């Protein structure tokens, strides 16, 4: 893939993510609220480690990349 096509693809994906976040926030409201995500709250600090959410995102992205970039 040439650099121009790569930049166009990255731009299109970022635009799609921006549209989802702006106009359909309920599609990503699950992020960080799954069992296995660690939230530690104190009086003056907050630690958030989205382990389960990132595993699901990783699996979905792996499937998408393998579908579009696999060669027959």
PDB file of N, CA and C in Angstrom:
ATOM      1  N   UNK A   1       0.850  -1.170   0.000  1.00  0.00           N
ATOM      2  CA  UNK A   1       0.000   0.000   0.000  1.00  0.00           C
ATOM      3  C   UNK A   1       0.896   1.232   0.000  1.00  0.00           C
ATOM      4  N   UNK A   2       0.564   2.172  -0.840  1.00  0.00           N
ATOM      5  CA  UNK A   2       1.376   3.380  -0.901  1.00  0.00           C
ATOM      6  C   UNK A   2       1.070   4.278   0.289  1.00  0.00           C
ATOM      7  N   UNK A   3       1.948   5.236   0.492  1.00  0.00           N
ATOM      8  CA  UNK A   3       1.804   6.134   1.637  1.00  0.00           C
ATOM      9  C   UNK A   3       0.513   6.943   1.549  1.00  0.00           C
ATOM     10  N   UNK A   4       0.163   7.390   0.347  1.00  0.00           N
ATOM     11  CA  UNK A   4      -1.061   8.170   0.180  1.00  0.00           C
ATOM     12  C   UNK A   4      -2.309   7.384   0.548  1.00  0.00           C
ATOM     13  N   UNK A   5      -2.383   6.131   0.091  1.00  0.00           N
ATOM     14  CA  UNK A   5      -3.541   5.297   0.423  1.00  0.00           C
ATOM     15  C   UNK A   5      -3.596   5.001   1.908  1.00  0.00           C
ATOM     16  N   UNK A   6      -2.442   4.792   2.510  1.00  0.00           N
ATOM     17  CA  UNK A   6      -2.393   4.537   3.952  1.00  0.00           C
ATOM     18  C   UNK A   6      -2.898   5.745   4.735  1.00  0.00           C
ATOM     19  N   UNK A   7      -2.466   6.937   4.354  1.00  0.00           N
ATOM     20  CA  UNK A   7      -2.913   8.149   5.043  1.00  0.00           C
ATOM     21  C   UNK A   7      -4.414   8.382   4.846  1.00  0.00           C
ATOM     22  N   UNK A   8      -4.927   8.119   3.636  1.00  0.00           N
ATOM     23  CA  UNK A   8      -6.361   8.245   3.405  1.00  0.00           C
ATOM     24  C   UNK A   8      -7.155   7.256   4.241  1.00  0.00           C
ATOM     25  N   UNK A   9      -6.668   6.034   4.352  1.00  0.00           N
ATOM     26  CA  UNK A   9      -7.351   5.017   5.157  1.00  0.00           C
ATOM     27  C   UNK A   9      -7.360   5.400   6.627  1.00  0.00           C
ATOM     28  N   UNK A  10      -6.225   5.836   7.140  1.00  0.00           N
ATOM     29  CA  UNK A  10      -6.140   6.251   8.536  1.00  0.00           C
ATOM     30  C   UNK A  10      -7.066   7.440   8.790  1.00  0.00           C
ATOM     31  N   UNK A  11      -7.106   8.388   7.864  1.00  0.00           N
ATOM     32  CA  UNK A  11      -7.991   9.541   8.002  1.00  0.00           C
ATOM     33  C   UNK A  11      -9.459   9.149   8.001  1.00  0.00           C
ATOM     34  N   UNK A  12      -9.828   8.211   7.130  1.00  0.00           N
ATOM     35  CA  UNK A  12     -11.214   7.755   7.078  1.00  0.00           C
ATOM     36  C   UNK A  12     -11.612   7.040   8.362  1.00  0.00           C
ATOM     37  N   UNK A  13     -10.717   6.228   8.900  1.00  0.00           N
ATOM     38  CA  UNK A  13     -11.001   5.522  10.147  1.00  0.00           C
ATOM     39  C   UNK A  13     -11.141   6.507  11.297  1.00  0.00           C
ATOM     40  N   UNK A  14     -10.262   7.485  11.366  1.00  0.00           N
ATOM     41  CA  UNK A  14     -10.356   8.498  12.420  1.00  0.00           C
ATOM     42  C   UNK A  14     -11.645   9.315  12.298  1.00  0.00           C
ATOM     43  N   UNK A  15     -12.054   9.621  11.059  1.00  0.00           N
ATOM     44  CA  UNK A  15     -13.298  10.350  10.861  1.00  0.00           C
ATOM     45  C   UNK A  15     -14.500   9.513  11.300  1.00  0.00           C
ATOM     46  N   UNK A  16     -14.478   8.234  10.999  1.00  0.00           N
ATOM     47  CA  UNK A  16     -15.560   7.345  11.415  1.00  0.00           C
ATOM     48  C   UNK A  16     -15.637   7.255  12.932  1.00  0.00           C
ATOM     49  N   UNK A  17     -14.491   7.132  13.588  1.00  0.00           N
ATOM     50  CA  UNK A  17     -14.464   7.091  15.057  1.00  0.00           C
ATOM     51  C   UNK A  17     -14.998   8.403  15.631  1.00  0.00           C
ATOM     52  N   UNK A  18     -14.611   9.527  15.041  1.00  0.00           N
ATOM     53  CA  UNK A  18     -15.106  10.826  15.498  1.00  0.00           C
ATOM     54  C   UNK A  18     -16.612  10.964  15.347  1.00  0.00           C
ATOM     55  N   UNK A  19     -17.153  10.462  14.237  1.00  0.00           N
ATOM     56  CA  UNK A  19     -18.593  10.511  14.033  1.00  0.00           C
ATOM     57  C   UNK A  19     -19.329   9.645  15.048  1.00  0.00           C
ATOM     58  N   UNK A  20     -18.793   8.472  15.335  1.00  0.00           N
ATOM     59  CA  UNK A  20     -19.422   7.582  16.317  1.00  0.00           C
ATOM     60  C   UNK A  20     -19.413   8.231  17.694  1.00  0.00           C
ATOM     61  N   UNK A  21     -18.291   8.813  18.073  1.00  0.00           N
ATOM     62  CA  UNK A  21     -18.192   9.443  19.392  1.00  0.00           C
ATOM     63  C   UNK A  21     -19.124  10.649  19.495  1.00  0.00           C
ATOM     64  N   UNK A  22     -19.267  11.398  18.397  1.00  0.00           N
ATOM     65  CA  UNK A  22     -20.098  12.602  18.426  1.00  0.00           C
ATOM     66  C   UNK A  22     -21.595  12.305  18.355  1.00  0.00           C
ATOM     67  N   UNK A  23     -21.984  11.398  17.454  1.00  0.00           N
ATOM     68  CA  UNK A  23     -23.407  11.225  17.180  1.00  0.00           C
ATOM     69  C   UNK A  23     -24.013   9.938  17.720  1.00  0.00           C
ATOM     70  N   UNK A  24     -23.204   8.989  18.122  1.00  0.00           N
ATOM     71  CA  UNK A  24     -23.730   7.731  18.662  1.00  0.00           C
ATOM     72  C   UNK A  24     -22.892   7.263  19.849  1.00  0.00           C
ATOM     73  N   UNK A  25     -22.834   8.049  20.915  1.00  0.00           N
ATOM     74  CA  UNK A  25     -21.975   7.681  22.047  1.00  0.00           C
ATOM     75  C   UNK A  25     -22.420   6.413  22.766  1.00  0.00           C
ATOM     76  N   UNK A  26     -23.689   6.003  22.594  1.00  0.00           N
ATOM     77  CA  UNK A  26     -24.148   4.782  23.240  1.00  0.00           C
ATOM     78  C   UNK A  26     -23.477   3.544  22.658  1.00  0.00           C
ATOM     79  N   UNK A  27     -22.877   3.646  21.467  1.00  0.00           N
ATOM     80  CA  UNK A  27     -22.191   2.500  20.874  1.00  0.00           C
ATOM     81  C   UNK A  27     -20.893   2.161  21.608  1.00  0.00           C
ATOM     82  N   UNK A  28     -20.316   3.148  22.282  1.00  0.00           N
ATOM     83  CA  UNK A  28     -19.066   2.889  23.002  1.00  0.00           C
ATOM     84  C   UNK A  28     -19.220   3.095  24.506  1.00  0.00           C
ATOM     85  N   UNK A  29     -20.447   3.165  24.993  1.00  0.00           N
ATOM     86  CA  UNK A  29     -20.647   3.399  26.423  1.00  0.00           C
ATOM     87  C   UNK A  29     -20.242   2.195  27.273  1.00  0.00           C
ATOM     88  N   UNK A  30     -20.068   1.024  26.661  1.00  0.00           N
ATOM     89  CA  UNK A  30     -19.664  -0.181  27.383  1.00  0.00           C
ATOM     90  C   UNK A  30     -18.184  -0.125  27.781  1.00  0.00           C
ATOM     91  N   UNK A  31     -17.403   0.689  27.089  1.00  0.00           N
ATOM     92  CA  UNK A  31     -15.962   0.705  27.323  1.00  0.00           C
ATOM     93  C   UNK A  31     -15.648   1.152  28.748  1.00  0.00           C
ATOM     94  N   UNK A  32     -14.937   0.293  29.474  1.00  0.00           N
ATOM     95  CA  UNK A  32     -14.538   0.607  30.838  1.00  0.00           C
ATOM     96  C   UNK A  32     -15.519   0.163  31.900  1.00  0.00           C
ATOM     97  N   UNK A  33     -16.631  -0.433  31.497  1.00  0.00           N
ATOM     98  CA  UNK A  33     -17.640  -0.842  32.472  1.00  0.00           C
ATOM     99  C   UNK A  33     -17.824  -2.357  32.497  1.00  0.00           C
ATOM    100  N   UNK A  34     -16.921  -3.095  31.893  1.00  0.00           N
ATOM    101  CA  UNK A  34     -17.029  -4.549  31.848  1.00  0.00           C
ATOM    102  C   UNK A  34     -16.400  -5.179  33.086  1.00  0.00           C
ATOM    103  N   UNK A  35     -16.839  -6.391  33.438  1.00  0.00           N
ATOM    104  CA  UNK A  35     -16.164  -7.106  34.524  1.00  0.00           C
ATOM    105  C   UNK A  35     -14.709  -7.374  34.124  1.00  0.00           C
ATOM    106  N   UNK A  36     -13.812  -7.098  34.989  1.00  0.00           N
ATOM    107  CA  UNK A  36     -12.393  -7.268  34.685  1.00  0.00           C
ATOM    108  C   UNK A  36     -11.671  -5.953  34.478  1.00  0.00           C
ATOM    109  N   UNK A  37     -12.419  -4.873  34.279  1.00  0.00           N
ATOM    110  CA  UNK A  37     -11.813  -3.546  34.202  1.00  0.00           C
ATOM    111  C   UNK A  37     -11.581  -3.054  35.621  1.00  0.00           C
ATOM    112  N   UNK A  38     -10.392  -2.573  35.875  1.00  0.00           N
ATOM    113  CA  UNK A  38     -10.011  -2.188  37.232  1.00  0.00           C
ATOM    114  C   UNK A  38     -10.184  -0.680  37.413  1.00  0.00           C
ATOM    115  N   UNK A  39     -10.931  -0.306  38.444  1.00  0.00           N
ATOM    116  CA  UNK A  39     -11.134   1.096  38.800  1.00  0.00           C
ATOM    117  C   UNK A  39     -10.798   1.252  40.279  1.00  0.00           C
ATOM    118  N   UNK A  40      -9.831   2.086  40.569  1.00  0.00           N
ATOM    119  CA  UNK A  40      -9.443   2.357  41.948  1.00  0.00           C
ATOM    120  C   UNK A  40      -9.631   3.855  42.180  1.00  0.00           C
ATOM    121  N   UNK A  41     -10.531   4.182  43.087  1.00  0.00           N
ATOM    122  CA  UNK A  41     -10.819   5.581  43.364  1.00  0.00           C
ATOM    123  C   UNK A  41     -10.458   5.910  44.800  1.00  0.00           C
ATOM    124  N   UNK A  42      -9.754   6.989  44.964  1.00  0.00           N
ATOM    125  CA  UNK A  42      -9.424   7.483  46.290  1.00  0.00           C
ATOM    126  C   UNK A  42      -9.942   8.902  46.440  1.00  0.00           C
ATOM    127  N   UNK A  43      -9.557   9.558  47.514  1.00  0.00           N
ATOM    128  CA  UNK A  43     -10.010  10.924  47.725  1.00  0.00           C
ATOM    129  C   UNK A  43      -9.401  11.884  46.710  1.00  0.00           C
ATOM    130  N   UNK A  44      -8.123  11.690  46.396  1.00  0.00           N
ATOM    131  CA  UNK A  44      -7.442  12.627  45.506  1.00  0.00           C
ATOM    132  C   UNK A  44      -6.871  11.965  44.259  1.00  0.00           C
ATOM    133  N   UNK A  45      -7.148  10.693  44.048  1.00  0.00           N
ATOM    134  CA  UNK A  45      -6.596  10.032  42.869  1.00  0.00           C
ATOM    135  C   UNK A  45      -7.589   9.040  42.279  1.00  0.00           C
ATOM    136  N   UNK A  46      -7.341   8.690  41.042  1.00  0.00           N
ATOM    137  CA  UNK A  46      -8.206   7.771  40.326  1.00  0.00           C
ATOM    138  C   UNK A  46      -7.335   6.961  39.370  1.00  0.00           C
ATOM    139  N   UNK A  47      -7.415   5.631  39.452  1.00  0.00           N
ATOM    140  CA  UNK A  47      -6.659   4.751  38.569  1.00  0.00           C
ATOM    141  C   UNK A  47      -7.652   3.892  37.807  1.00  0.00           C
ATOM    142  N   UNK A  48      -7.492   3.859  36.495  1.00  0.00           N
ATOM    143  CA  UNK A  48      -8.399   3.104  35.635  1.00  0.00           C
ATOM    144  C   UNK A  48      -7.576   2.233  34.694  1.00  0.00           C
ATOM    145  N   UNK A  49      -7.775   0.907  34.758  1.00  0.00           N
ATOM    146  CA  UNK A  49      -7.054  -0.041  33.907  1.00  0.00           C
ATOM    147  C   UNK A  49      -8.091  -0.904  33.197  1.00  0.00           C
ATOM    148  N   UNK A  50      -8.382  -0.600  31.915  1.00  0.00           N
ATOM    149  CA  UNK A  50      -9.444  -1.314  31.187  1.00  0.00           C
ATOM    150  C   UNK A  50      -8.944  -2.614  30.552  1.00  0.00           C
ATOM    151  N   UNK A  51      -8.661  -3.619  31.353  1.00  0.00           N
ATOM    152  CA  UNK A  51      -8.088  -4.866  30.845  1.00  0.00           C
ATOM    153  C   UNK A  51      -9.059  -5.591  29.915  1.00  0.00           C
ATOM    154  N   UNK A  52     -10.254  -5.864  30.368  1.00  0.00           N
ATOM    155  CA  UNK A  52     -11.230  -6.613  29.570  1.00  0.00           C
ATOM    156  C   UNK A  52     -11.651  -5.824  28.339  1.00  0.00           C
ATOM    157  N   UNK A  53     -11.871  -4.548  28.483  1.00  0.00           N
ATOM    158  CA  UNK A  53     -12.272  -3.721  27.343  1.00  0.00           C
ATOM    159  C   UNK A  53     -11.200  -3.729  26.259  1.00  0.00           C
ATOM    160  N   UNK A  54      -9.946  -3.620  26.658  1.00  0.00           N
ATOM    161  CA  UNK A  54      -8.869  -3.607  25.668  1.00  0.00           C
ATOM    162  C   UNK A  54      -8.675  -4.964  25.019  1.00  0.00           C
ATOM    163  N   UNK A  55      -8.950  -6.056  25.744  1.00  0.00           N
ATOM    164  CA  UNK A  55      -8.897  -7.376  25.121  1.00  0.00           C
ATOM    165  C   UNK A  55      -9.954  -7.502  24.025  1.00  0.00           C
ATOM    166  N   UNK A  56     -11.147  -7.014  24.281  1.00  0.00           N
ATOM    167  CA  UNK A  56     -12.217  -7.078  23.280  1.00  0.00           C
ATOM    168  C   UNK A  56     -11.873  -6.192  22.083  1.00  0.00           C
ATOM    169  N   UNK A  57     -11.368  -4.988  22.319  1.00  0.00           N
ATOM    170  CA  UNK A  57     -10.963  -4.104  21.222  1.00  0.00           C
ATOM    171  C   UNK A  57      -9.856  -4.755  20.400  1.00  0.00           C
ATOM    172  N   UNK A  58      -8.906  -5.377  21.060  1.00  0.00           N
ATOM    173  CA  UNK A  58      -7.807  -6.053  20.369  1.00  0.00           C
ATOM    174  C   UNK A  58      -8.305  -7.200  19.494  1.00  0.00           C
ATOM    175  N   UNK A  59      -9.229  -7.989  20.005  1.00  0.00           N
ATOM    176  CA  UNK A  59      -9.781  -9.098  19.224  1.00  0.00           C
ATOM    177  C   UNK A  59     -10.533  -8.576  18.003  1.00  0.00           C
ATOM    178  N   UNK A  60     -11.343  -7.540  18.188  1.00  0.00           N
ATOM    179  CA  UNK A  60     -12.106  -6.983  17.069  1.00  0.00           C
ATOM    180  C   UNK A  60     -11.173  -6.403  16.010  1.00  0.00           C
ATOM    181  N   UNK A  61     -10.160  -5.644  16.430  1.00  0.00           N
ATOM    182  CA  UNK A  61      -9.216  -5.068  15.470  1.00  0.00           C
ATOM    183  C   UNK A  61      -8.410  -6.145  14.752  1.00  0.00           C
ATOM    184  N   UNK A  62      -8.041  -7.209  15.458  1.00  0.00           N
ATOM    185  CA  UNK A  62      -7.321  -8.311  14.823  1.00  0.00           C
ATOM    186  C   UNK A  62      -8.171  -8.973  13.754  1.00  0.00           C
ATOM    187  N   UNK A  63      -9.433  -9.200  14.052  1.00  0.00           N
ATOM    188  CA  UNK A  63     -10.334  -9.791  13.061  1.00  0.00           C
ATOM    189  C   UNK A  63     -10.501  -8.890  11.842  1.00  0.00           C
ATOM    190  N   UNK A  64     -10.664  -7.591  12.062  1.00  0.00           N
ATOM    191  CA  UNK A  64     -10.834  -6.660  10.950  1.00  0.00           C
ATOM    192  C   UNK A  64      -9.583  -6.611  10.083  1.00  0.00           C
ATOM    193  N   UNK A  65      -8.424  -6.507  10.708  1.00  0.00           N
ATOM    194  CA  UNK A  65      -7.170  -6.448   9.947  1.00  0.00           C
ATOM    195  C   UNK A  65      -6.956  -7.734   9.168  1.00  0.00           C
ATOM    196  N   UNK A  66      -7.240  -8.878   9.771  1.00  0.00           N
ATOM    197  CA  UNK A  66      -7.060 -10.144   9.065  1.00  0.00           C
ATOM    198  C   UNK A  66      -8.044 -10.300   7.910  1.00  0.00           C
ATOM    199  N   UNK A  67      -9.234  -9.762   8.042  1.00  0.00           N
ATOM    200  CA  UNK A  67     -10.205  -9.840   6.954  1.00  0.00           C
ATOM    201  C   UNK A  67      -9.790  -8.972   5.756  1.00  0.00           C
ATOM    202  N   UNK A  68      -9.274  -7.792   6.021  1.00  0.00           N
ATOM    203  CA  UNK A  68      -8.964  -6.865   4.938  1.00  0.00           C
ATOM    204  C   UNK A  68      -7.548  -7.029   4.393  1.00  0.00           C
ATOM    205  N   UNK A  69      -6.610  -7.494   5.178  1.00  0.00           N
ATOM    206  CA  UNK A  69      -5.233  -7.590   4.717  1.00  0.00           C
ATOM    207  C   UNK A  69      -4.759  -8.998   4.418  1.00  0.00           C
ATOM    208  N   UNK A  70      -5.623  -9.980   4.566  1.00  0.00           N
ATOM    209  CA  UNK A  70      -5.199 -11.351   4.271  1.00  0.00           C
ATOM    210  C   UNK A  70      -5.187 -11.563   2.769  1.00  0.00           C
ATOM    211  N   UNK A  71      -4.200 -12.304   2.309  1.00  0.00           N
ATOM    212  CA  UNK A  71      -4.064 -12.577   0.889  1.00  0.00           C
ATOM    213  C   UNK A  71      -4.529 -14.001   0.611  1.00  0.00           C
ATOM    214  N   UNK A  72      -5.321 -14.178  -0.455  1.00  0.00           N
ATOM    215  CA  UNK A  72      -5.860 -15.528  -0.752  1.00  0.00           C
ATOM    216  C   UNK A  72      -4.802 -16.504  -1.205  1.00  0.00           C
TER     217      UNK A  72
END
